[in-house]
Amino acid sequence: MGPKTKEIIRIIVTIITSIATALGVGTVV
């Protein structure tokens, strides 16, 4: 588990957040 893994996880979280916002559930942080 190196810095790359954390970076990938962060990207995935960002994508999920973007999708959630698009669906109108952006209040979930």
N, C-alpha and C. Protein backbone atom coordinates (compact mmCIF):
# COMPACT_ATOMS: atom_id res chain seq x y z
N MET A 1 0.85 -1.19 0.00
CA MET A 1 0.00 0.00 0.00
C MET A 1 0.89 1.25 0.00
N GLY A 2 1.13 1.77 -1.18
CA GLY A 2 1.98 2.96 -1.27
C GLY A 2 1.16 4.19 -1.56
N PRO A 3 1.83 5.31 -1.85
CA PRO A 3 1.15 6.57 -2.16
C PRO A 3 0.22 6.43 -3.35
N LYS A 4 0.58 5.54 -4.27
CA LYS A 4 -0.25 5.34 -5.47
C LYS A 4 -1.64 4.86 -5.08
N THR A 5 -1.69 3.93 -4.13
CA THR A 5 -2.98 3.38 -3.71
C THR A 5 -3.87 4.47 -3.13
N LYS A 6 -3.29 5.30 -2.26
CA LYS A 6 -4.08 6.40 -1.67
C LYS A 6 -4.56 7.34 -2.75
N GLU A 7 -3.71 7.58 -3.76
CA GLU A 7 -4.08 8.48 -4.85
C GLU A 7 -5.26 7.91 -5.63
N ILE A 8 -5.21 6.60 -5.91
CA ILE A 8 -6.29 5.95 -6.65
C ILE A 8 -7.58 6.02 -5.85
N ILE A 9 -7.49 5.74 -4.54
CA ILE A 9 -8.68 5.78 -3.69
C ILE A 9 -9.29 7.18 -3.71
N ARG A 10 -8.42 8.18 -3.65
CA ARG A 10 -8.89 9.57 -3.64
C ARG A 10 -9.62 9.88 -4.95
N ILE A 11 -9.09 9.40 -6.07
CA ILE A 11 -9.73 9.63 -7.37
C ILE A 11 -11.10 8.97 -7.41
N ILE A 12 -11.18 7.74 -6.91
CA ILE A 12 -12.45 7.01 -6.89
C ILE A 12 -13.47 7.76 -6.05
N VAL A 13 -13.04 8.25 -4.88
CA VAL A 13 -13.94 9.00 -4.00
C VAL A 13 -14.44 10.26 -4.70
N THR A 14 -13.53 10.92 -5.43
CA THR A 14 -13.90 12.14 -6.15
C THR A 14 -14.96 11.84 -7.21
N ILE A 15 -14.76 10.74 -7.93
CA ILE A 15 -15.72 10.35 -8.97
C ILE A 15 -17.07 10.04 -8.34
N ILE A 16 -17.07 9.29 -7.25
CA ILE A 16 -18.33 8.94 -6.58
C ILE A 16 -19.03 10.20 -6.10
N THR A 17 -18.26 11.14 -5.56
CA THR A 17 -18.85 12.39 -5.08
C THR A 17 -19.47 13.16 -6.24
N SER A 18 -18.78 13.16 -7.39
CA SER A 18 -19.31 13.87 -8.56
C SER A 18 -20.62 13.25 -9.02
N ILE A 19 -20.67 11.93 -9.03
CA ILE A 19 -21.89 11.23 -9.43
C ILE A 19 -23.01 11.52 -8.44
N ALA A 20 -22.67 11.47 -7.15
CA ALA A 20 -23.67 11.74 -6.11
C ALA A 20 -24.22 13.15 -6.26
N THR A 21 -23.34 14.10 -6.52
CA THR A 21 -23.77 15.49 -6.71
C THR A 21 -24.70 15.60 -7.91
N ALA A 22 -24.35 14.89 -8.97
CA ALA A 22 -25.16 14.94 -10.18
C ALA A 22 -26.55 14.36 -9.93
N LEU A 23 -26.62 13.41 -8.99
CA LEU A 23 -27.90 12.77 -8.68
C LEU A 23 -28.66 13.59 -7.63
N GLY A 24 -28.01 14.63 -7.10
CA GLY A 24 -28.69 15.49 -6.14
C GLY A 24 -28.49 15.03 -4.71
N VAL A 25 -27.45 14.23 -4.47
CA VAL A 25 -27.19 13.76 -3.11
C VAL A 25 -25.83 14.29 -2.66
N GLY A 26 -25.51 15.50 -3.11
CA GLY A 26 -24.20 16.07 -2.82
C GLY A 26 -24.02 16.44 -1.37
N THR A 27 -25.10 16.31 -0.58
CA THR A 27 -25.00 16.66 0.84
C THR A 27 -24.19 15.62 1.58
N VAL A 28 -24.02 14.43 1.00
CA VAL A 28 -23.27 13.38 1.65
C VAL A 28 -21.78 13.64 1.47
N VAL A 29 -21.09 13.90 2.57
CA VAL A 29 -19.65 14.16 2.50
C VAL A 29 -18.95 13.03 3.15
